[in-house]
Amino acid sequence: MKKNIFDVFLRNAVRYDIKWAIIPKVDGNLKSFALKYNITQKMVALGYYSFEDNERAFLDSIIEKF
């Protein structure tokens, strides 16, 4: 289950690599994850917010381990 959620998150982050004037802000574990793995914060935020609230909480528990 964890692997599937994380796989979808990474696929969504790459999929949403589009040029938008809007740049969502991220902080905490998401920001450190983006910086550590050299993924733009916009991609990470859009991939993250493509999930529902309960899935985001589960994804948070996965990301904090990175």
PDB file of N, CA and C in Angstrom:
ATOM      1  N   MET A   1       0.819  -1.195   0.000  1.00  0.00           N
ATOM      2  CA  MET A   1       0.000   0.000   0.000  1.00  0.00           C
ATOM      3  C   MET A   1       0.864   1.260   0.000  1.00  0.00           C
ATOM      4  N   LYS A   2       1.886   1.301   0.880  1.00  0.00           N
ATOM      5  CA  LYS A   2       2.750   2.480   0.943  1.00  0.00           C
ATOM      6  C   LYS A   2       3.453   2.713  -0.382  1.00  0.00           C
ATOM      7  N   LYS A   3       3.929   1.631  -0.987  1.00  0.00           N
ATOM      8  CA  LYS A   3       4.655   1.765  -2.247  1.00  0.00           C
ATOM      9  C   LYS A   3       3.738   2.307  -3.337  1.00  0.00           C
ATOM     10  N   ASN A   4       2.497   1.834  -3.383  1.00  0.00           N
ATOM     11  CA  ASN A   4       1.559   2.304  -4.399  1.00  0.00           C
ATOM     12  C   ASN A   4       1.272   3.791  -4.253  1.00  0.00           C
ATOM     13  N   ILE A   5       1.029   4.245  -3.034  1.00  0.00           N
ATOM     14  CA  ILE A   5       0.753   5.665  -2.785  1.00  0.00           C
ATOM     15  C   ILE A   5       1.956   6.509  -3.195  1.00  0.00           C
ATOM     16  N   PHE A   6       3.150   6.061  -2.796  1.00  0.00           N
ATOM     17  CA  PHE A   6       4.352   6.829  -3.116  1.00  0.00           C
ATOM     18  C   PHE A   6       4.617   6.830  -4.621  1.00  0.00           C
ATOM     19  N   ASP A   7       4.389   5.712  -5.298  1.00  0.00           N
ATOM     20  CA  ASP A   7       4.553   5.649  -6.749  1.00  0.00           C
ATOM     21  C   ASP A   7       3.619   6.624  -7.453  1.00  0.00           C
ATOM     22  N   VAL A   8       2.378   6.663  -7.013  1.00  0.00           N
ATOM     23  CA  VAL A   8       1.404   7.586  -7.610  1.00  0.00           C
ATOM     24  C   VAL A   8       1.828   9.027  -7.357  1.00  0.00           C
ATOM     25  N   PHE A   9       2.297   9.310  -6.149  1.00  0.00           N
ATOM     26  CA  PHE A   9       2.773  10.653  -5.819  1.00  0.00           C
ATOM     27  C   PHE A   9       3.897  11.075  -6.764  1.00  0.00           C
ATOM     28  N   LEU A  10       4.893  10.210  -6.965  1.00  0.00           N
ATOM     29  CA  LEU A  10       6.015  10.560  -7.853  1.00  0.00           C
ATOM     30  C   LEU A  10       5.568  10.707  -9.298  1.00  0.00           C
ATOM     31  N   ARG A  11       4.693   9.838  -9.749  1.00  0.00           N
ATOM     32  CA  ARG A  11       4.186   9.965 -11.124  1.00  0.00           C
ATOM     33  C   ARG A  11       3.412  11.260 -11.301  1.00  0.00           C
ATOM     34  N   ASN A  12       2.592  11.623 -10.325  1.00  0.00           N
ATOM     35  CA  ASN A  12       1.834  12.877 -10.399  1.00  0.00           C
ATOM     36  C   ASN A  12       2.770  14.076 -10.360  1.00  0.00           C
ATOM     37  N   ALA A  13       3.812  14.016  -9.550  1.00  0.00           N
ATOM     38  CA  ALA A  13       4.754  15.130  -9.464  1.00  0.00           C
ATOM     39  C   ALA A  13       5.429  15.356 -10.810  1.00  0.00           C
ATOM     40  N   VAL A  14       5.808  14.300 -11.485  1.00  0.00           N
ATOM     41  CA  VAL A  14       6.456  14.434 -12.796  1.00  0.00           C
ATOM     42  C   VAL A  14       5.440  14.864 -13.841  1.00  0.00           C
ATOM     43  N   ARG A  15       4.246  14.344 -13.746  1.00  0.00           N
ATOM     44  CA  ARG A  15       3.203  14.663 -14.718  1.00  0.00           C
ATOM     45  C   ARG A  15       2.846  16.140 -14.681  1.00  0.00           C
ATOM     46  N   TYR A  16       2.901  16.739 -13.510  1.00  0.00           N
ATOM     47  CA  TYR A  16       2.501  18.133 -13.357  1.00  0.00           C
ATOM     48  C   TYR A  16       3.661  19.102 -13.537  1.00  0.00           C
ATOM     49  N   ASP A  17       4.650  18.720 -14.306  1.00  0.00           N
ATOM     50  CA  ASP A  17       5.767  19.613 -14.603  1.00  0.00           C
ATOM     51  C   ASP A  17       5.361  20.499 -15.781  1.00  0.00           C
ATOM     52  N   ILE A  18       4.503  21.457 -15.492  1.00  0.00           N
ATOM     53  CA  ILE A  18       3.994  22.347 -16.528  1.00  0.00           C
ATOM     54  C   ILE A  18       4.323  23.786 -16.142  1.00  0.00           C
ATOM     55  N   LYS A  19       4.332  24.638 -17.111  1.00  0.00           N
ATOM     56  CA  LYS A  19       4.664  26.038 -16.861  1.00  0.00           C
ATOM     57  C   LYS A  19       3.388  26.781 -16.452  1.00  0.00           C
ATOM     58  N   TRP A  20       3.333  27.143 -15.189  1.00  0.00           N
ATOM     59  CA  TRP A  20       2.230  27.911 -14.638  1.00  0.00           C
ATOM     60  C   TRP A  20       2.796  29.142 -13.977  1.00  0.00           C
ATOM     61  N   ALA A  21       2.025  30.196 -13.995  1.00  0.00           N
ATOM     62  CA  ALA A  21       2.433  31.409 -13.284  1.00  0.00           C
ATOM     63  C   ALA A  21       2.257  31.225 -11.778  1.00  0.00           C
ATOM     64  N   ILE A  22       1.429  30.268 -11.400  1.00  0.00           N
ATOM     65  CA  ILE A  22       1.166  29.988  -9.987  1.00  0.00           C
ATOM     66  C   ILE A  22       2.227  29.031  -9.466  1.00  0.00           C
ATOM     67  N   ILE A  23       2.842  29.397  -8.355  1.00  0.00           N
ATOM     68  CA  ILE A  23       3.835  28.533  -7.736  1.00  0.00           C
ATOM     69  C   ILE A  23       3.391  28.250  -6.308  1.00  0.00           C
ATOM     70  N   PRO A  24       2.842  27.045  -6.073  1.00  0.00           N
ATOM     71  CA  PRO A  24       2.412  26.715  -4.708  1.00  0.00           C
ATOM     72  C   PRO A  24       3.601  26.617  -3.766  1.00  0.00           C
ATOM     73  N   LYS A  25       3.417  27.071  -2.555  1.00  0.00           N
ATOM     74  CA  LYS A  25       4.475  27.009  -1.545  1.00  0.00           C
ATOM     75  C   LYS A  25       4.377  25.697  -0.779  1.00  0.00           C
ATOM     76  N   VAL A  26       5.521  25.144  -0.454  1.00  0.00           N
ATOM     77  CA  VAL A  26       5.577  23.948   0.381  1.00  0.00           C
ATOM     78  C   VAL A  26       6.515  24.227   1.547  1.00  0.00           C
ATOM     79  N   ASP A  27       6.307  23.493   2.616  1.00  0.00           N
ATOM     80  CA  ASP A  27       7.187  23.649   3.772  1.00  0.00           C
ATOM     81  C   ASP A  27       7.351  22.310   4.465  1.00  0.00           C
ATOM     82  N   GLY A  28       8.151  22.294   5.458  1.00  0.00           N
ATOM     83  CA  GLY A  28       8.343  21.092   6.257  1.00  0.00           C
ATOM     84  C   GLY A  28       8.960  19.947   5.482  1.00  0.00           C
ATOM     85  N   ASN A  29       8.366  18.777   5.647  1.00  0.00           N
ATOM     86  CA  ASN A  29       8.897  17.569   5.025  1.00  0.00           C
ATOM     87  C   ASN A  29       8.849  17.613   3.506  1.00  0.00           C
ATOM     88  N   LEU A  30       7.814  18.240   2.951  1.00  0.00           N
ATOM     89  CA  LEU A  30       7.726  18.330   1.489  1.00  0.00           C
ATOM     90  C   LEU A  30       8.868  19.158   0.916  1.00  0.00           C
ATOM     91  N   LYS A  31       9.162  20.269   1.568  1.00  0.00           N
ATOM     92  CA  LYS A  31      10.237  21.131   1.080  1.00  0.00           C
ATOM     93  C   LYS A  31      11.590  20.432   1.175  1.00  0.00           C
ATOM     94  N   SER A  32      11.844  19.774   2.297  1.00  0.00           N
ATOM     95  CA  SER A  32      13.121  19.083   2.441  1.00  0.00           C
ATOM     96  C   SER A  32      13.227  17.915   1.461  1.00  0.00           C
ATOM     97  N   PHE A  33      12.111  17.223   1.198  1.00  0.00           N
ATOM     98  CA  PHE A  33      12.093  16.141   0.215  1.00  0.00           C
ATOM     99  C   PHE A  33      12.429  16.678  -1.176  1.00  0.00           C
ATOM    100  N   ALA A  34      11.795  17.795  -1.546  1.00  0.00           N
ATOM    101  CA  ALA A  34      12.035  18.395  -2.860  1.00  0.00           C
ATOM    102  C   ALA A  34      13.490  18.827  -3.011  1.00  0.00           C
ATOM    103  N   LEU A  35      14.033  19.445  -1.994  1.00  0.00           N
ATOM    104  CA  LEU A  35      15.425  19.902  -2.054  1.00  0.00           C
ATOM    105  C   LEU A  35      16.407  18.732  -2.079  1.00  0.00           C
ATOM    106  N   LYS A  36      16.141  17.724  -1.286  1.00  0.00           N
ATOM    107  CA  LYS A  36      17.045  16.575  -1.205  1.00  0.00           C
ATOM    108  C   LYS A  36      17.106  15.811  -2.526  1.00  0.00           C
ATOM    109  N   TYR A  37      15.972  15.654  -3.185  1.00  0.00           N
ATOM    110  CA  TYR A  37      15.916  14.861  -4.408  1.00  0.00           C
ATOM    111  C   TYR A  37      15.837  15.717  -5.675  1.00  0.00           C
ATOM    112  N   ASN A  38      16.098  17.016  -5.529  1.00  0.00           N
ATOM    113  CA  ASN A  38      16.190  17.932  -6.657  1.00  0.00           C
ATOM    114  C   ASN A  38      14.936  17.911  -7.542  1.00  0.00           C
ATOM    115  N   ILE A  39      13.793  17.963  -6.892  1.00  0.00           N
ATOM    116  CA  ILE A  39      12.507  18.057  -7.570  1.00  0.00           C
ATOM    117  C   ILE A  39      11.967  19.446  -7.251  1.00  0.00           C
ATOM    118  N   THR A  40      11.408  20.112  -8.242  1.00  0.00           N
ATOM    119  CA  THR A  40      10.921  21.460  -7.966  1.00  0.00           C
ATOM    120  C   THR A  40       9.788  21.409  -6.947  1.00  0.00           C
ATOM    121  N   GLN A  41       9.706  22.437  -6.150  1.00  0.00           N
ATOM    122  CA  GLN A  41       8.684  22.501  -5.117  1.00  0.00           C
ATOM    123  C   GLN A  41       7.287  22.554  -5.723  1.00  0.00           C
ATOM    124  N   LYS A  42       7.169  23.151  -6.901  1.00  0.00           N
ATOM    125  CA  LYS A  42       5.870  23.202  -7.575  1.00  0.00           C
ATOM    126  C   LYS A  42       5.410  21.791  -7.943  1.00  0.00           C
ATOM    127  N   MET A  43       6.321  20.978  -8.477  1.00  0.00           N
ATOM    128  CA  MET A  43       5.972  19.613  -8.858  1.00  0.00           C
ATOM    129  C   MET A  43       5.563  18.799  -7.633  1.00  0.00           C
ATOM    130  N   VAL A  44       6.321  18.943  -6.553  1.00  0.00           N
ATOM    131  CA  VAL A  44       6.015  18.211  -5.323  1.00  0.00           C
ATOM    132  C   VAL A  44       4.657  18.646  -4.763  1.00  0.00           C
ATOM    133  N   ALA A  45       4.400  19.925  -4.755  1.00  0.00           N
ATOM    134  CA  ALA A  45       3.128  20.424  -4.216  1.00  0.00           C
ATOM    135  C   ALA A  45       1.945  19.937  -5.043  1.00  0.00           C
ATOM    136  N   LEU A  46       2.051  19.999  -6.351  1.00  0.00           N
ATOM    137  CA  LEU A  46       0.938  19.563  -7.199  1.00  0.00           C
ATOM    138  C   LEU A  46       0.720  18.060  -7.103  1.00  0.00           C
ATOM    139  N   GLY A  47       1.799  17.301  -7.020  1.00  0.00           N
ATOM    140  CA  GLY A  47       1.660  15.860  -6.817  1.00  0.00           C
ATOM    141  C   GLY A  47       1.038  15.545  -5.475  1.00  0.00           C
ATOM    142  N   TYR A  48       1.412  16.287  -4.452  1.00  0.00           N
ATOM    143  CA  TYR A  48       0.913  16.076  -3.092  1.00  0.00           C
ATOM    144  C   TYR A  48      -0.569  16.431  -2.989  1.00  0.00           C
ATOM    145  N   TYR A  49      -0.951  17.562  -3.534  1.00  0.00           N
ATOM    146  CA  TYR A  49      -2.332  18.009  -3.405  1.00  0.00           C
ATOM    147  C   TYR A  49      -3.280  17.333  -4.396  1.00  0.00           C
ATOM    148  N   SER A  50      -2.770  16.400  -5.202  1.00  0.00           N
ATOM    149  CA  SER A  50      -3.659  15.610  -6.056  1.00  0.00           C
ATOM    150  C   SER A  50      -4.346  14.502  -5.258  1.00  0.00           C
ATOM    151  N   PHE A  51      -3.915  14.300  -3.997  1.00  0.00           N
ATOM    152  CA  PHE A  51      -4.505  13.296  -3.122  1.00  0.00           C
ATOM    153  C   PHE A  51      -5.573  13.913  -2.230  1.00  0.00           C
ATOM    154  N   GLU A  52      -6.450  13.061  -1.718  1.00  0.00           N
ATOM    155  CA  GLU A  52      -7.438  13.470  -0.734  1.00  0.00           C
ATOM    156  C   GLU A  52      -6.759  13.643   0.624  1.00  0.00           C
ATOM    157  N   ASP A  53      -7.446  14.254   1.577  1.00  0.00           N
ATOM    158  CA  ASP A  53      -6.877  14.558   2.895  1.00  0.00           C
ATOM    159  C   ASP A  53      -6.324  13.331   3.612  1.00  0.00           C
ATOM    160  N   ASN A  54      -7.100  12.249   3.665  1.00  0.00           N
ATOM    161  CA  ASN A  54      -6.638  11.065   4.392  1.00  0.00           C
ATOM    162  C   ASN A  54      -5.439  10.419   3.697  1.00  0.00           C
ATOM    163  N   GLU A  55      -5.388  10.467   2.374  1.00  0.00           N
ATOM    164  CA  GLU A  55      -4.232   9.934   1.647  1.00  0.00           C
ATOM    165  C   GLU A  55      -3.003  10.820   1.856  1.00  0.00           C
ATOM    166  N   ARG A  56      -3.216  12.136   1.974  1.00  0.00           N
ATOM    167  CA  ARG A  56      -2.102  13.056   2.233  1.00  0.00           C
ATOM    168  C   ARG A  56      -1.469  12.776   3.581  1.00  0.00           C
ATOM    169  N   ALA A  57      -2.276  12.475   4.580  1.00  0.00           N
ATOM    170  CA  ALA A  57      -1.742  12.154   5.905  1.00  0.00           C
ATOM    171  C   ALA A  57      -0.886  10.892   5.828  1.00  0.00           C
ATOM    172  N   PHE A  58      -1.336   9.912   5.082  1.00  0.00           N
ATOM    173  CA  PHE A  58      -0.570   8.681   4.900  1.00  0.00           C
ATOM    174  C   PHE A  58       0.722   8.965   4.136  1.00  0.00           C
ATOM    175  N   LEU A  59       0.636   9.802   3.114  1.00  0.00           N
ATOM    176  CA  LEU A  59       1.810  10.188   2.331  1.00  0.00           C
ATOM    177  C   LEU A  59       2.802  10.960   3.191  1.00  0.00           C
ATOM    178  N   ASP A  60       2.314  11.791   4.088  1.00  0.00           N
ATOM    179  CA  ASP A  60       3.200  12.515   5.030  1.00  0.00           C
ATOM    180  C   ASP A  60       4.035  11.547   5.847  1.00  0.00           C
ATOM    181  N   SER A  61       3.404  10.467   6.301  1.00  0.00           N
ATOM    182  CA  SER A  61       4.147   9.495   7.109  1.00  0.00           C
ATOM    183  C   SER A  61       5.230   8.798   6.291  1.00  0.00           C
ATOM    184  N   ILE A  62       5.008   8.664   4.997  1.00  0.00           N
ATOM    185  CA  ILE A  62       6.031   8.064   4.124  1.00  0.00           C
ATOM    186  C   ILE A  62       7.158   9.056   3.872  1.00  0.00           C
ATOM    187  N   ILE A  63       6.810  10.290   3.529  1.00  0.00           N
ATOM    188  CA  ILE A  63       7.808  11.297   3.163  1.00  0.00           C
ATOM    189  C   ILE A  63       8.708  11.652   4.330  1.00  0.00           C
ATOM    190  N   GLU A  64       8.183  11.669   5.549  1.00  0.00           N
ATOM    191  CA  GLU A  64       9.024  12.058   6.689  1.00  0.00           C
ATOM    192  C   GLU A  64      10.140  11.049   6.943  1.00  0.00           C
ATOM    193  N   LYS A  65      10.027   9.857   6.398  1.00  0.00           N
ATOM    194  CA  LYS A  65      11.086   8.857   6.552  1.00  0.00           C
ATOM    195  C   LYS A  65      12.244   9.081   5.583  1.00  0.00           C
ATOM    196  N   PHE A  66      12.034   9.923   4.576  1.00  0.00           N
ATOM    197  CA  PHE A  66      13.101  10.221   3.630  1.00  0.00           C
ATOM    198  C   PHE A  66      13.939  11.295   4.228  1.00  0.00           C
TER     199      PHE A  66
END
